[in-house]
């Protein structure tokens, strides 16, 4: 049954996704709102496909409105794919290398992705800040994975050094978000059960680096000891 459920998920998602990519490329030159709608629908389509694999999603806490910086635990590709349909018109940060994916990278740039050029110095950082501020001016929340990479469920990693700099320069409240997608989604075979998002309390801007990093680290790891059920 597990293999059959996964086969249904992969067939539905990977045969359906090109339709959304083509639609995004068609509408992007003419309407950014239409592009964002297509991307959000693709993201929700992915979650619908996961139901075929027996995976459901639960949310604990309340998602704040307005321009904030969502700092999310990163355990698998689930939260990256889910973000455009889950958050309200978000502008995610993503590594620059993803911009080179044919078709997808171009659509993502038009969508408003904030590209992170790691190890390219102060010039790249200033460009990233300019892009992030432009998204804030449009009223869009920012979404970042402050650990910088996927981290296995149950493990803690230090936050990337650039996170505290972004927090300081952008002057936004930070909303930490824990997610325990790893046990269900990280491996090739998706496993039935529940993926939980847990929103932490907003953290105000202006805190010292040590405090903001400690508070975010604690909050995004709030589900580390909590595995998901097998239903």
N, C-alpha and C. Protein backbone atom coordinates (compact mmCIF):
# COMPACT_ATOMS: atom_id res chain seq x y z
N UNK A 1 0.82 -1.21 0.00
CA UNK A 1 0.00 0.00 0.00
C UNK A 1 0.86 1.27 0.00
N UNK A 2 1.97 1.24 0.76
CA UNK A 2 2.86 2.40 0.82
C UNK A 2 3.41 2.72 -0.57
N UNK A 3 3.84 1.69 -1.29
CA UNK A 3 4.41 1.90 -2.62
C UNK A 3 3.34 2.40 -3.59
N UNK A 4 2.15 1.85 -3.51
CA UNK A 4 1.07 2.28 -4.40
C UNK A 4 0.69 3.74 -4.12
N UNK A 5 0.64 4.11 -2.86
CA UNK A 5 0.33 5.50 -2.51
C UNK A 5 1.39 6.44 -3.04
N UNK A 6 2.66 6.04 -2.92
CA UNK A 6 3.74 6.89 -3.42
C UNK A 6 3.72 6.98 -4.94
N UNK A 7 3.41 5.87 -5.58
CA UNK A 7 3.32 5.89 -7.04
C UNK A 7 2.24 6.87 -7.49
N UNK A 8 1.11 6.85 -6.80
CA UNK A 8 0.03 7.78 -7.13
C UNK A 8 0.47 9.22 -6.92
N UNK A 9 1.18 9.49 -5.81
CA UNK A 9 1.66 10.84 -5.55
C UNK A 9 2.62 11.32 -6.63
N UNK A 10 3.64 10.51 -6.94
CA UNK A 10 4.67 10.94 -7.89
C UNK A 10 4.10 11.11 -9.30
N UNK A 11 3.23 10.21 -9.70
CA UNK A 11 2.64 10.34 -11.03
C UNK A 11 1.81 11.62 -11.13
N UNK A 12 0.98 11.86 -10.11
CA UNK A 12 0.12 13.04 -10.14
C UNK A 12 0.95 14.32 -10.10
N UNK A 13 1.92 14.38 -9.21
CA UNK A 13 2.66 15.63 -9.02
C UNK A 13 3.59 15.93 -10.19
N UNK A 14 4.33 14.94 -10.64
CA UNK A 14 5.33 15.22 -11.67
C UNK A 14 4.74 15.30 -13.08
N UNK A 15 3.59 14.71 -13.29
CA UNK A 15 2.93 14.90 -14.58
C UNK A 15 2.09 16.17 -14.58
N UNK A 16 1.61 16.59 -13.41
CA UNK A 16 0.81 17.80 -13.32
C UNK A 16 1.61 19.08 -13.24
N UNK A 17 2.80 19.01 -12.63
CA UNK A 17 3.60 20.23 -12.41
C UNK A 17 3.99 20.97 -13.69
N UNK A 18 4.37 20.28 -14.78
CA UNK A 18 4.72 21.02 -16.00
C UNK A 18 3.60 21.92 -16.51
N UNK A 19 2.36 21.54 -16.26
CA UNK A 19 1.24 22.37 -16.68
C UNK A 19 1.31 23.73 -15.98
N UNK A 20 1.63 23.71 -14.69
CA UNK A 20 1.71 24.95 -13.92
C UNK A 20 2.93 25.78 -14.33
N UNK A 21 4.06 25.11 -14.59
CA UNK A 21 5.25 25.83 -15.03
C UNK A 21 4.99 26.54 -16.36
N UNK A 22 4.37 25.85 -17.30
CA UNK A 22 4.05 26.47 -18.60
C UNK A 22 3.08 27.62 -18.41
N UNK A 23 2.06 27.41 -17.58
CA UNK A 23 1.09 28.49 -17.32
C UNK A 23 1.77 29.70 -16.70
N UNK A 24 2.72 29.46 -15.78
CA UNK A 24 3.43 30.56 -15.15
C UNK A 24 4.24 31.35 -16.17
N UNK A 25 4.93 30.64 -17.06
CA UNK A 25 5.74 31.32 -18.08
C UNK A 25 4.86 32.10 -19.06
N UNK A 26 3.65 31.60 -19.33
CA UNK A 26 2.75 32.28 -20.26
C UNK A 26 2.21 33.57 -19.67
N UNK A 27 1.78 33.54 -18.40
CA UNK A 27 1.13 34.72 -17.81
C UNK A 27 2.13 35.72 -17.24
N UNK A 28 3.36 35.26 -16.92
CA UNK A 28 4.31 36.13 -16.21
C UNK A 28 4.59 37.46 -16.90
N UNK A 29 4.82 37.51 -18.22
CA UNK A 29 5.13 38.80 -18.85
C UNK A 29 3.98 39.79 -18.82
N UNK A 30 2.78 39.32 -18.55
CA UNK A 30 1.61 40.19 -18.65
C UNK A 30 1.00 40.57 -17.30
N UNK A 31 1.15 39.72 -16.29
CA UNK A 31 0.47 39.98 -15.03
C UNK A 31 1.16 39.28 -13.87
N UNK A 32 1.79 40.06 -12.99
CA UNK A 32 2.40 39.46 -11.80
C UNK A 32 1.36 38.85 -10.88
N UNK A 33 0.19 39.50 -10.66
CA UNK A 33 -0.82 38.84 -9.82
C UNK A 33 -1.26 37.49 -10.37
N UNK A 34 -1.39 37.40 -11.71
CA UNK A 34 -1.76 36.11 -12.31
C UNK A 34 -0.66 35.07 -12.09
N UNK A 35 0.59 35.49 -12.21
CA UNK A 35 1.70 34.59 -11.97
C UNK A 35 1.68 34.06 -10.54
N UNK A 36 1.47 34.97 -9.58
CA UNK A 36 1.43 34.55 -8.17
C UNK A 36 0.28 33.58 -7.92
N UNK A 37 -0.83 33.80 -8.59
CA UNK A 37 -1.96 32.90 -8.45
C UNK A 37 -1.62 31.51 -8.96
N UNK A 38 -0.96 31.43 -10.11
CA UNK A 38 -0.56 30.14 -10.67
C UNK A 38 0.40 29.41 -9.73
N UNK A 39 1.38 30.14 -9.20
CA UNK A 39 2.37 29.52 -8.31
C UNK A 39 1.68 29.01 -7.04
N UNK A 40 0.76 29.81 -6.49
CA UNK A 40 0.05 29.37 -5.28
C UNK A 40 -0.79 28.13 -5.56
N UNK A 41 -1.40 28.09 -6.74
CA UNK A 41 -2.21 26.92 -7.09
C UNK A 41 -1.34 25.68 -7.27
N UNK A 42 -0.15 25.86 -7.85
CA UNK A 42 0.79 24.73 -7.97
C UNK A 42 1.17 24.21 -6.59
N UNK A 43 1.43 25.12 -5.67
CA UNK A 43 1.80 24.73 -4.31
C UNK A 43 0.67 23.95 -3.63
N UNK A 44 -0.55 24.43 -3.81
CA UNK A 44 -1.70 23.73 -3.21
C UNK A 44 -1.96 22.40 -3.92
N UNK A 45 -1.68 22.35 -5.21
CA UNK A 45 -1.79 21.10 -5.95
C UNK A 45 -0.85 20.06 -5.36
N UNK A 46 0.37 20.48 -5.01
CA UNK A 46 1.33 19.58 -4.38
C UNK A 46 0.77 19.01 -3.08
N UNK A 47 0.15 19.87 -2.26
CA UNK A 47 -0.42 19.38 -1.01
C UNK A 47 -1.58 18.41 -1.28
N UNK A 48 -2.38 18.70 -2.30
CA UNK A 48 -3.46 17.78 -2.68
C UNK A 48 -2.89 16.42 -3.09
N UNK A 49 -1.80 16.45 -3.84
CA UNK A 49 -1.18 15.20 -4.27
C UNK A 49 -0.66 14.39 -3.07
N UNK A 50 -0.20 15.09 -2.05
CA UNK A 50 0.31 14.40 -0.87
C UNK A 50 -0.77 13.58 -0.17
N UNK A 51 -2.02 14.01 -0.32
CA UNK A 51 -3.10 13.23 0.29
C UNK A 51 -3.16 11.83 -0.30
N UNK A 52 -2.74 11.71 -1.56
CA UNK A 52 -2.69 10.39 -2.19
C UNK A 52 -1.69 9.48 -1.47
N UNK A 53 -0.66 10.09 -0.88
CA UNK A 53 0.34 9.34 -0.13
C UNK A 53 -0.03 9.22 1.35
N UNK A 54 -1.20 9.72 1.72
CA UNK A 54 -1.64 9.63 3.11
C UNK A 54 -1.05 10.67 4.03
N UNK A 55 -0.53 11.76 3.47
CA UNK A 55 0.08 12.83 4.28
C UNK A 55 -0.89 13.99 4.40
N UNK A 56 -1.14 14.45 5.61
CA UNK A 56 -1.99 15.61 5.83
C UNK A 56 -1.21 16.66 6.60
N UNK A 57 -1.74 17.86 6.67
CA UNK A 57 -1.03 19.00 7.28
C UNK A 57 -1.91 19.62 8.36
N UNK A 58 -1.29 19.93 9.49
CA UNK A 58 -1.97 20.56 10.61
C UNK A 58 -1.21 21.83 11.01
N UNK A 59 -1.93 22.86 11.45
CA UNK A 59 -1.32 24.13 11.84
C UNK A 59 -1.65 24.43 13.30
N UNK A 60 -0.64 24.77 14.06
CA UNK A 60 -0.82 25.20 15.44
C UNK A 60 -0.40 26.66 15.55
N UNK A 61 -1.24 27.49 16.16
CA UNK A 61 -0.95 28.91 16.28
C UNK A 61 -1.57 29.69 15.14
N UNK A 62 -1.28 30.99 15.13
CA UNK A 62 -1.90 31.91 14.17
C UNK A 62 -0.85 32.56 13.30
N UNK A 63 -1.13 32.61 11.99
CA UNK A 63 -0.23 33.28 11.06
C UNK A 63 -0.48 34.78 11.08
N UNK A 64 0.52 35.59 11.44
CA UNK A 64 0.33 37.05 11.46
C UNK A 64 0.14 37.62 10.06
N UNK A 65 -0.50 38.74 9.99
CA UNK A 65 -0.69 39.46 8.73
C UNK A 65 0.45 40.46 8.53
N UNK A 66 0.56 40.96 7.30
CA UNK A 66 1.47 42.07 7.02
C UNK A 66 2.89 41.64 6.75
N UNK A 67 3.79 42.62 6.72
CA UNK A 67 5.21 42.39 6.39
C UNK A 67 5.96 41.92 7.63
N UNK A 68 6.28 40.66 7.63
CA UNK A 68 7.09 40.07 8.68
C UNK A 68 8.12 39.16 8.03
N UNK A 69 9.07 38.71 8.81
CA UNK A 69 10.07 37.76 8.34
C UNK A 69 9.77 36.41 8.99
N UNK A 70 9.23 35.47 8.21
CA UNK A 70 8.98 34.13 8.70
C UNK A 70 10.29 33.33 8.64
N UNK A 71 10.73 32.85 9.80
CA UNK A 71 11.95 32.04 9.87
C UNK A 71 11.52 30.60 10.13
N UNK A 72 11.75 29.71 9.17
CA UNK A 72 11.16 28.37 9.18
C UNK A 72 12.23 27.29 9.33
N UNK A 73 11.93 26.31 10.15
CA UNK A 73 12.75 25.11 10.21
C UNK A 73 12.73 24.43 8.84
N UNK A 74 13.86 23.89 8.42
CA UNK A 74 13.95 23.30 7.07
C UNK A 74 14.37 21.85 7.21
N UNK A 75 13.39 20.93 7.09
CA UNK A 75 13.69 19.50 7.20
C UNK A 75 13.60 18.76 5.88
N UNK A 76 12.87 19.34 4.91
CA UNK A 76 12.71 18.65 3.63
C UNK A 76 12.27 19.67 2.58
N UNK A 77 12.09 19.19 1.35
CA UNK A 77 11.60 20.07 0.29
C UNK A 77 10.14 20.45 0.49
N UNK A 78 9.45 19.75 1.39
CA UNK A 78 8.02 20.03 1.60
C UNK A 78 7.76 21.50 1.87
N UNK A 79 8.45 22.07 2.87
CA UNK A 79 8.13 23.45 3.27
C UNK A 79 8.51 24.47 2.19
N UNK A 80 9.50 24.15 1.36
CA UNK A 80 9.85 25.05 0.26
C UNK A 80 8.75 25.06 -0.80
N UNK A 81 8.23 23.87 -1.13
CA UNK A 81 7.16 23.79 -2.13
C UNK A 81 5.86 24.32 -1.57
N UNK A 82 5.63 24.10 -0.30
CA UNK A 82 4.36 24.46 0.33
C UNK A 82 4.22 25.96 0.57
N UNK A 83 5.34 26.67 0.69
CA UNK A 83 5.31 28.08 1.11
C UNK A 83 4.42 28.98 0.25
N UNK A 84 4.49 28.94 -1.10
CA UNK A 84 3.68 29.88 -1.88
C UNK A 84 2.18 29.71 -1.70
N UNK A 85 1.73 28.48 -1.40
CA UNK A 85 0.31 28.25 -1.20
C UNK A 85 -0.14 28.39 0.23
N UNK A 86 0.81 28.28 1.16
CA UNK A 86 0.48 28.33 2.58
C UNK A 86 0.50 29.76 3.11
N UNK A 87 1.58 30.49 2.83
CA UNK A 87 1.68 31.89 3.26
C UNK A 87 0.94 32.79 2.27
N UNK A 88 0.68 34.00 2.67
CA UNK A 88 -0.11 34.92 1.86
C UNK A 88 0.80 35.77 0.98
N UNK A 89 0.96 35.35 -0.27
CA UNK A 89 1.78 36.06 -1.24
C UNK A 89 3.21 36.28 -0.75
N UNK A 90 3.90 35.22 -0.36
CA UNK A 90 5.22 35.38 0.24
C UNK A 90 6.31 35.66 -0.78
N UNK A 91 7.41 36.21 -0.30
CA UNK A 91 8.63 36.36 -1.09
C UNK A 91 9.71 35.53 -0.41
N UNK A 92 9.97 34.31 -0.89
CA UNK A 92 10.94 33.44 -0.24
C UNK A 92 12.38 33.81 -0.62
N UNK A 93 13.30 33.53 0.29
CA UNK A 93 14.72 33.56 -0.01
C UNK A 93 15.12 32.18 -0.53
N UNK A 94 15.97 32.14 -1.54
CA UNK A 94 16.43 30.86 -2.09
C UNK A 94 17.83 31.02 -2.65
N UNK A 95 18.59 29.93 -2.62
CA UNK A 95 19.96 30.00 -3.12
C UNK A 95 19.98 30.28 -4.62
N UNK A 96 20.96 31.06 -5.03
CA UNK A 96 21.07 31.54 -6.40
C UNK A 96 21.10 30.40 -7.42
N UNK A 97 21.64 29.25 -7.03
CA UNK A 97 21.78 28.14 -7.97
C UNK A 97 20.44 27.68 -8.54
N UNK A 98 19.35 27.86 -7.77
CA UNK A 98 18.03 27.44 -8.24
C UNK A 98 17.54 28.29 -9.41
N UNK A 99 18.09 29.49 -9.53
CA UNK A 99 17.69 30.37 -10.63
C UNK A 99 18.14 29.82 -11.98
N UNK A 100 19.05 28.86 -11.96
CA UNK A 100 19.57 28.31 -13.22
C UNK A 100 18.72 27.16 -13.75
N UNK A 101 17.72 26.72 -13.00
CA UNK A 101 16.87 25.63 -13.48
C UNK A 101 16.05 26.14 -14.68
N UNK A 102 16.15 25.49 -15.83
CA UNK A 102 15.43 26.00 -17.02
C UNK A 102 13.93 26.13 -16.78
N UNK A 103 13.39 27.25 -17.17
CA UNK A 103 11.96 27.48 -17.03
C UNK A 103 11.57 27.87 -15.61
N UNK A 104 11.84 26.97 -14.67
CA UNK A 104 11.46 27.22 -13.28
C UNK A 104 12.17 28.44 -12.72
N UNK A 105 13.48 28.57 -12.99
CA UNK A 105 14.23 29.70 -12.46
C UNK A 105 13.73 31.04 -12.95
N UNK A 106 13.37 31.09 -14.24
CA UNK A 106 12.84 32.34 -14.81
C UNK A 106 11.50 32.68 -14.18
N UNK A 107 10.62 31.68 -14.05
CA UNK A 107 9.32 31.93 -13.43
C UNK A 107 9.47 32.37 -11.98
N UNK A 108 10.43 31.77 -11.26
CA UNK A 108 10.66 32.13 -9.87
C UNK A 108 11.16 33.57 -9.73
N UNK A 109 12.01 34.00 -10.65
CA UNK A 109 12.49 35.39 -10.63
C UNK A 109 11.34 36.37 -10.86
N UNK A 110 10.50 36.08 -11.82
CA UNK A 110 9.34 36.94 -12.07
C UNK A 110 8.38 36.93 -10.88
N UNK A 111 8.30 35.79 -10.22
CA UNK A 111 7.41 35.67 -9.05
C UNK A 111 7.85 36.60 -7.92
N UNK A 112 9.15 36.83 -7.80
CA UNK A 112 9.65 37.71 -6.75
C UNK A 112 10.53 37.02 -5.74
N UNK A 113 11.16 35.91 -6.13
CA UNK A 113 12.09 35.23 -5.25
C UNK A 113 13.25 36.17 -4.91
N UNK A 114 13.72 36.10 -3.67
CA UNK A 114 14.92 36.86 -3.27
C UNK A 114 16.09 35.88 -3.33
N UNK A 115 16.96 36.08 -4.31
CA UNK A 115 18.06 35.14 -4.51
C UNK A 115 19.20 35.42 -3.55
N UNK A 116 19.74 34.35 -2.98
CA UNK A 116 20.84 34.43 -2.04
C UNK A 116 22.10 33.94 -2.73
N UNK A 117 23.01 34.86 -3.01
CA UNK A 117 24.29 34.50 -3.63
C UNK A 117 25.31 34.31 -2.52
N UNK A 118 25.42 33.09 -2.06
CA UNK A 118 26.30 32.80 -0.93
C UNK A 118 27.76 32.92 -1.32
N UNK A 119 28.56 33.39 -0.39
CA UNK A 119 30.00 33.49 -0.58
C UNK A 119 30.39 34.46 -1.71
N UNK A 120 29.54 35.47 -1.96
CA UNK A 120 29.89 36.45 -2.99
C UNK A 120 30.05 37.87 -2.43
N UNK A 121 30.18 37.98 -1.12
CA UNK A 121 30.59 39.24 -0.54
C UNK A 121 29.50 40.28 -0.35
N UNK A 122 29.99 41.51 -0.03
CA UNK A 122 29.10 42.60 0.36
C UNK A 122 28.20 43.07 -0.77
N UNK A 123 28.69 43.02 -2.02
CA UNK A 123 27.88 43.47 -3.15
C UNK A 123 26.63 42.63 -3.29
N UNK A 124 26.79 41.31 -3.17
CA UNK A 124 25.64 40.41 -3.26
C UNK A 124 24.68 40.63 -2.10
N UNK A 125 25.23 40.90 -0.92
CA UNK A 125 24.38 41.15 0.25
C UNK A 125 23.55 42.41 0.06
N UNK A 126 24.16 43.46 -0.47
CA UNK A 126 23.42 44.71 -0.70
C UNK A 126 22.31 44.50 -1.73
N UNK A 127 22.60 43.72 -2.77
CA UNK A 127 21.58 43.44 -3.78
C UNK A 127 20.42 42.66 -3.17
N UNK A 128 20.73 41.72 -2.30
CA UNK A 128 19.70 40.92 -1.65
C UNK A 128 18.82 41.80 -0.75
N UNK A 129 19.44 42.72 -0.04
CA UNK A 129 18.69 43.63 0.83
C UNK A 129 17.77 44.52 0.01
N UNK A 130 18.27 45.01 -1.13
CA UNK A 130 17.43 45.85 -2.01
C UNK A 130 16.21 45.07 -2.49
N UNK A 131 16.42 43.83 -2.90
CA UNK A 131 15.31 43.01 -3.37
C UNK A 131 14.31 42.76 -2.24
N UNK A 132 14.82 42.45 -1.06
CA UNK A 132 13.94 42.17 0.08
C UNK A 132 13.12 43.41 0.44
N UNK A 133 13.73 44.58 0.43
CA UNK A 133 12.99 45.80 0.75
C UNK A 133 11.94 46.11 -0.31
N UNK A 134 12.22 45.78 -1.55
CA UNK A 134 11.22 45.97 -2.61
C UNK A 134 10.00 45.09 -2.37
N UNK A 135 10.23 43.85 -1.91
CA UNK A 135 9.11 42.96 -1.62
C UNK A 135 8.31 43.48 -0.42
N UNK A 136 9.01 44.01 0.58
CA UNK A 136 8.34 44.58 1.75
C UNK A 136 7.48 45.77 1.34
N UNK A 137 7.99 46.59 0.43
CA UNK A 137 7.23 47.76 -0.05
C UNK A 137 5.94 47.33 -0.75
N UNK A 138 5.93 46.11 -1.33
CA UNK A 138 4.73 45.57 -1.96
C UNK A 138 3.79 44.92 -0.95
N UNK A 139 4.17 44.96 0.32
CA UNK A 139 3.33 44.38 1.36
C UNK A 139 3.45 42.87 1.50
N UNK A 140 4.52 42.29 0.97
CA UNK A 140 4.67 40.84 0.99
C UNK A 140 5.51 40.40 2.19
N UNK A 141 5.11 39.34 2.87
CA UNK A 141 5.97 38.79 3.92
C UNK A 141 7.17 38.08 3.30
N UNK A 142 8.25 38.02 4.04
CA UNK A 142 9.45 37.33 3.60
C UNK A 142 9.52 35.96 4.28
N UNK A 143 10.04 34.98 3.57
CA UNK A 143 10.17 33.63 4.11
C UNK A 143 11.62 33.19 3.96
N UNK A 144 12.22 32.76 5.07
CA UNK A 144 13.63 32.37 5.03
C UNK A 144 13.82 31.09 5.84
N UNK A 145 14.77 30.28 5.40
CA UNK A 145 15.19 29.11 6.16
C UNK A 145 16.53 29.47 6.81
N UNK A 146 16.52 29.91 8.06
CA UNK A 146 17.73 30.52 8.64
C UNK A 146 18.88 29.55 8.86
N UNK A 147 18.60 28.23 8.84
CA UNK A 147 19.70 27.27 8.97
C UNK A 147 20.47 27.13 7.65
N UNK A 148 19.85 27.58 6.56
CA UNK A 148 20.55 27.61 5.28
C UNK A 148 20.53 26.32 4.49
N UNK A 149 20.09 25.23 5.10
CA UNK A 149 20.05 23.95 4.41
C UNK A 149 19.08 23.04 5.15
N UNK A 150 18.76 21.90 4.54
CA UNK A 150 17.88 20.95 5.21
C UNK A 150 18.61 20.28 6.37
N UNK A 151 17.89 20.14 7.47
CA UNK A 151 18.46 19.56 8.69
C UNK A 151 17.60 18.37 9.10
N UNK A 152 18.20 17.20 9.33
CA UNK A 152 17.41 16.03 9.71
C UNK A 152 16.56 16.29 10.95
N UNK A 153 15.38 15.67 10.97
CA UNK A 153 14.47 15.82 12.10
C UNK A 153 15.16 15.40 13.40
N UNK A 154 15.02 16.23 14.42
CA UNK A 154 15.62 15.95 15.72
C UNK A 154 16.98 16.60 15.93
N UNK A 155 17.55 17.18 14.86
CA UNK A 155 18.86 17.83 14.98
C UNK A 155 18.71 19.35 15.02
N UNK A 156 19.67 19.98 15.70
CA UNK A 156 19.76 21.44 15.71
C UNK A 156 21.05 21.85 15.00
N UNK A 157 20.95 22.91 14.23
CA UNK A 157 22.14 23.47 13.58
C UNK A 157 22.21 24.96 13.89
N UNK A 158 23.40 25.53 13.93
CA UNK A 158 23.51 26.98 14.12
C UNK A 158 22.86 27.72 12.95
N UNK A 159 22.30 28.87 13.23
CA UNK A 159 21.74 29.68 12.16
C UNK A 159 22.87 30.25 11.31
N UNK A 160 22.59 30.46 10.03
CA UNK A 160 23.59 31.07 9.15
C UNK A 160 23.91 32.49 9.63
N UNK A 161 25.16 32.89 9.47
CA UNK A 161 25.60 34.18 9.97
C UNK A 161 24.80 35.34 9.37
N UNK A 162 24.36 35.18 8.12
CA UNK A 162 23.65 36.27 7.46
C UNK A 162 22.27 36.54 8.01
N UNK A 163 21.70 35.59 8.76
CA UNK A 163 20.34 35.80 9.25
C UNK A 163 20.27 37.00 10.19
N UNK A 164 21.19 37.09 11.13
CA UNK A 164 21.16 38.21 12.07
C UNK A 164 21.36 39.54 11.35
N UNK A 165 22.20 39.55 10.29
CA UNK A 165 22.39 40.78 9.53
C UNK A 165 21.11 41.20 8.81
N UNK A 166 20.39 40.24 8.22
CA UNK A 166 19.12 40.55 7.58
C UNK A 166 18.12 41.11 8.59
N UNK A 167 18.04 40.44 9.72
CA UNK A 167 17.13 40.88 10.78
C UNK A 167 17.42 42.33 11.18
N UNK A 168 18.69 42.66 11.32
CA UNK A 168 19.07 44.01 11.73
C UNK A 168 18.75 45.04 10.65
N UNK A 169 19.09 44.72 9.39
CA UNK A 169 18.95 45.71 8.32
C UNK A 169 17.51 45.88 7.84
N UNK A 170 16.71 44.83 7.94
CA UNK A 170 15.33 44.93 7.45
C UNK A 170 14.40 45.51 8.50
N UNK A 171 14.72 45.34 9.77
CA UNK A 171 13.90 45.94 10.82
C UNK A 171 12.49 45.39 10.90
N UNK A 172 12.32 44.11 10.59
CA UNK A 172 11.01 43.48 10.63
C UNK A 172 10.87 42.58 11.86
N UNK A 173 9.64 42.39 12.34
CA UNK A 173 9.42 41.34 13.35
C UNK A 173 9.71 39.98 12.73
N UNK A 174 10.23 39.08 13.53
CA UNK A 174 10.50 37.72 13.08
C UNK A 174 9.45 36.79 13.69
N UNK A 175 8.85 35.97 12.84
CA UNK A 175 7.90 34.96 13.31
C UNK A 175 8.53 33.59 13.08
N UNK A 176 9.00 32.92 14.14
CA UNK A 176 9.59 31.60 13.96
C UNK A 176 8.51 30.55 13.71
N UNK A 177 8.82 29.61 12.82
CA UNK A 177 7.87 28.56 12.45
C UNK A 177 8.57 27.21 12.52
N UNK A 178 8.09 26.35 13.42
CA UNK A 178 8.61 24.98 13.49
C UNK A 178 7.80 24.11 12.54
N UNK A 179 8.46 23.12 11.97
CA UNK A 179 7.76 22.16 11.09
C UNK A 179 8.48 20.82 11.19
N UNK A 180 7.72 19.74 11.23
CA UNK A 180 8.33 18.41 11.39
C UNK A 180 8.07 17.53 10.18
N UNK A 181 8.45 18.03 9.02
CA UNK A 181 8.19 17.31 7.77
C UNK A 181 9.14 16.16 7.52
N UNK A 182 10.29 16.17 8.17
CA UNK A 182 11.33 15.19 7.87
C UNK A 182 10.89 13.74 7.88
N UNK A 183 10.25 13.26 8.97
CA UNK A 183 9.88 11.84 9.02
C UNK A 183 8.87 11.42 7.96
N UNK A 184 8.08 12.36 7.44
CA UNK A 184 7.06 12.02 6.46
C UNK A 184 7.53 12.24 5.03
N UNK A 185 8.40 13.25 4.80
CA UNK A 185 8.62 13.71 3.43
C UNK A 185 10.07 13.57 2.97
N UNK A 186 11.02 13.55 3.88
CA UNK A 186 12.42 13.70 3.49
C UNK A 186 12.90 12.58 2.57
N UNK A 187 12.45 11.37 2.80
CA UNK A 187 12.96 10.23 2.03
C UNK A 187 12.17 10.06 0.73
N UNK A 188 12.68 9.18 -0.13
CA UNK A 188 12.01 8.95 -1.41
C UNK A 188 10.59 8.49 -1.24
N UNK A 189 10.35 7.59 -0.29
CA UNK A 189 9.00 7.13 -0.01
C UNK A 189 8.35 8.04 1.03
N UNK A 190 7.29 8.74 0.63
CA UNK A 190 6.55 9.57 1.56
C UNK A 190 5.75 8.66 2.48
N UNK A 191 5.74 8.97 3.78
CA UNK A 191 5.10 8.09 4.75
C UNK A 191 3.83 8.73 5.29
N UNK A 192 2.76 7.95 5.42
CA UNK A 192 1.50 8.51 5.88
C UNK A 192 1.63 9.09 7.29
N UNK A 193 0.87 10.13 7.54
CA UNK A 193 0.89 10.78 8.85
C UNK A 193 0.64 12.27 8.71
N UNK A 194 0.96 12.99 9.76
CA UNK A 194 0.68 14.43 9.82
C UNK A 194 1.95 15.24 9.86
N UNK A 195 2.03 16.26 9.01
CA UNK A 195 3.08 17.28 9.09
C UNK A 195 2.48 18.47 9.83
N UNK A 196 3.16 18.93 10.86
CA UNK A 196 2.64 20.02 11.69
C UNK A 196 3.48 21.28 11.51
N UNK A 197 2.81 22.40 11.30
CA UNK A 197 3.42 23.72 11.42
C UNK A 197 3.07 24.27 12.81
N UNK A 198 4.03 24.89 13.46
CA UNK A 198 3.74 25.57 14.73
C UNK A 198 4.31 26.98 14.69
N UNK A 199 3.42 27.99 14.73
CA UNK A 199 3.84 29.38 14.73
C UNK A 199 4.23 29.81 16.14
N UNK A 200 5.43 30.39 16.25
CA UNK A 200 5.86 30.95 17.52
C UNK A 200 5.37 32.38 17.66
N UNK A 201 5.59 32.96 18.83
CA UNK A 201 5.22 34.35 19.05
C UNK A 201 6.14 35.27 18.24
N UNK A 202 5.60 36.36 17.67
CA UNK A 202 6.45 37.31 16.94
C UNK A 202 7.54 37.87 17.84
N UNK A 203 8.73 38.01 17.27
CA UNK A 203 9.88 38.57 17.98
C UNK A 203 10.14 39.97 17.44
N UNK A 204 10.15 40.99 18.27
CA UNK A 204 10.28 42.36 17.76
C UNK A 204 11.66 42.63 17.17
N UNK A 205 11.75 43.63 16.29
CA UNK A 205 13.07 44.00 15.74
C UNK A 205 13.92 44.68 16.79
N UNK A 206 15.21 44.78 16.49
CA UNK A 206 16.11 45.57 17.34
C UNK A 206 16.80 44.83 18.45
N UNK A 207 16.67 43.50 18.52
CA UNK A 207 17.33 42.75 19.59
C UNK A 207 18.79 42.48 19.25
N UNK A 208 19.64 42.27 20.25
CA UNK A 208 21.04 41.89 19.97
C UNK A 208 21.11 40.56 19.23
N UNK A 209 22.20 40.37 18.51
CA UNK A 209 22.36 39.16 17.69
C UNK A 209 22.22 37.89 18.52
N UNK A 210 22.86 37.83 19.68
CA UNK A 210 22.81 36.62 20.48
C UNK A 210 21.39 36.27 20.89
N UNK A 211 20.58 37.30 21.22
CA UNK A 211 19.23 37.04 21.68
C UNK A 211 18.32 36.59 20.54
N UNK A 212 18.39 37.28 19.40
CA UNK A 212 17.51 36.90 18.30
C UNK A 212 17.85 35.50 17.80
N UNK A 213 19.13 35.16 17.72
CA UNK A 213 19.50 33.83 17.27
C UNK A 213 19.05 32.75 18.25
N UNK A 214 19.19 33.02 19.55
CA UNK A 214 18.79 32.04 20.55
C UNK A 214 17.28 31.82 20.54
N UNK A 215 16.51 32.91 20.42
CA UNK A 215 15.05 32.79 20.45
C UNK A 215 14.53 32.08 19.19
N UNK A 216 15.10 32.41 18.05
CA UNK A 216 14.66 31.76 16.81
C UNK A 216 15.04 30.29 16.82
N UNK A 217 16.25 29.98 17.24
CA UNK A 217 16.70 28.59 17.28
C UNK A 217 15.78 27.75 18.16
N UNK A 218 15.45 28.27 19.33
CA UNK A 218 14.58 27.53 20.24
C UNK A 218 13.20 27.32 19.64
N UNK A 219 12.64 28.35 19.04
CA UNK A 219 11.26 28.27 18.53
C UNK A 219 11.13 27.37 17.31
N UNK A 220 12.10 27.42 16.39
CA UNK A 220 11.95 26.61 15.18
C UNK A 220 12.22 25.14 15.45
N UNK A 221 12.84 24.85 16.59
CA UNK A 221 13.10 23.46 16.96
C UNK A 221 12.08 22.92 17.96
N UNK A 222 10.96 23.63 18.11
CA UNK A 222 9.95 23.25 19.10
C UNK A 222 9.32 21.90 18.83
N UNK A 223 9.37 21.44 17.58
CA UNK A 223 8.78 20.14 17.24
C UNK A 223 9.83 19.04 17.09
N UNK A 224 11.06 19.32 17.47
CA UNK A 224 12.12 18.34 17.27
C UNK A 224 11.87 17.02 17.99
N UNK A 225 11.30 17.10 19.19
CA UNK A 225 11.05 15.88 19.94
C UNK A 225 9.70 15.28 19.66
N UNK A 226 8.97 15.85 18.73
CA UNK A 226 7.60 15.41 18.45
C UNK A 226 7.52 14.80 17.06
N UNK A 227 7.48 13.51 16.99
CA UNK A 227 7.28 12.84 15.70
C UNK A 227 5.79 12.91 15.38
N UNK A 228 5.48 12.60 14.15
CA UNK A 228 4.09 12.67 13.72
C UNK A 228 3.45 11.29 13.80
N UNK A 229 2.12 11.25 13.81
CA UNK A 229 1.44 9.96 13.95
C UNK A 229 1.53 9.16 12.65
N UNK A 230 1.10 7.94 12.71
CA UNK A 230 1.24 7.03 11.58
C UNK A 230 -0.05 6.90 10.77
N UNK A 231 -1.07 7.70 11.08
CA UNK A 231 -2.34 7.56 10.37
C UNK A 231 -2.25 8.07 8.94
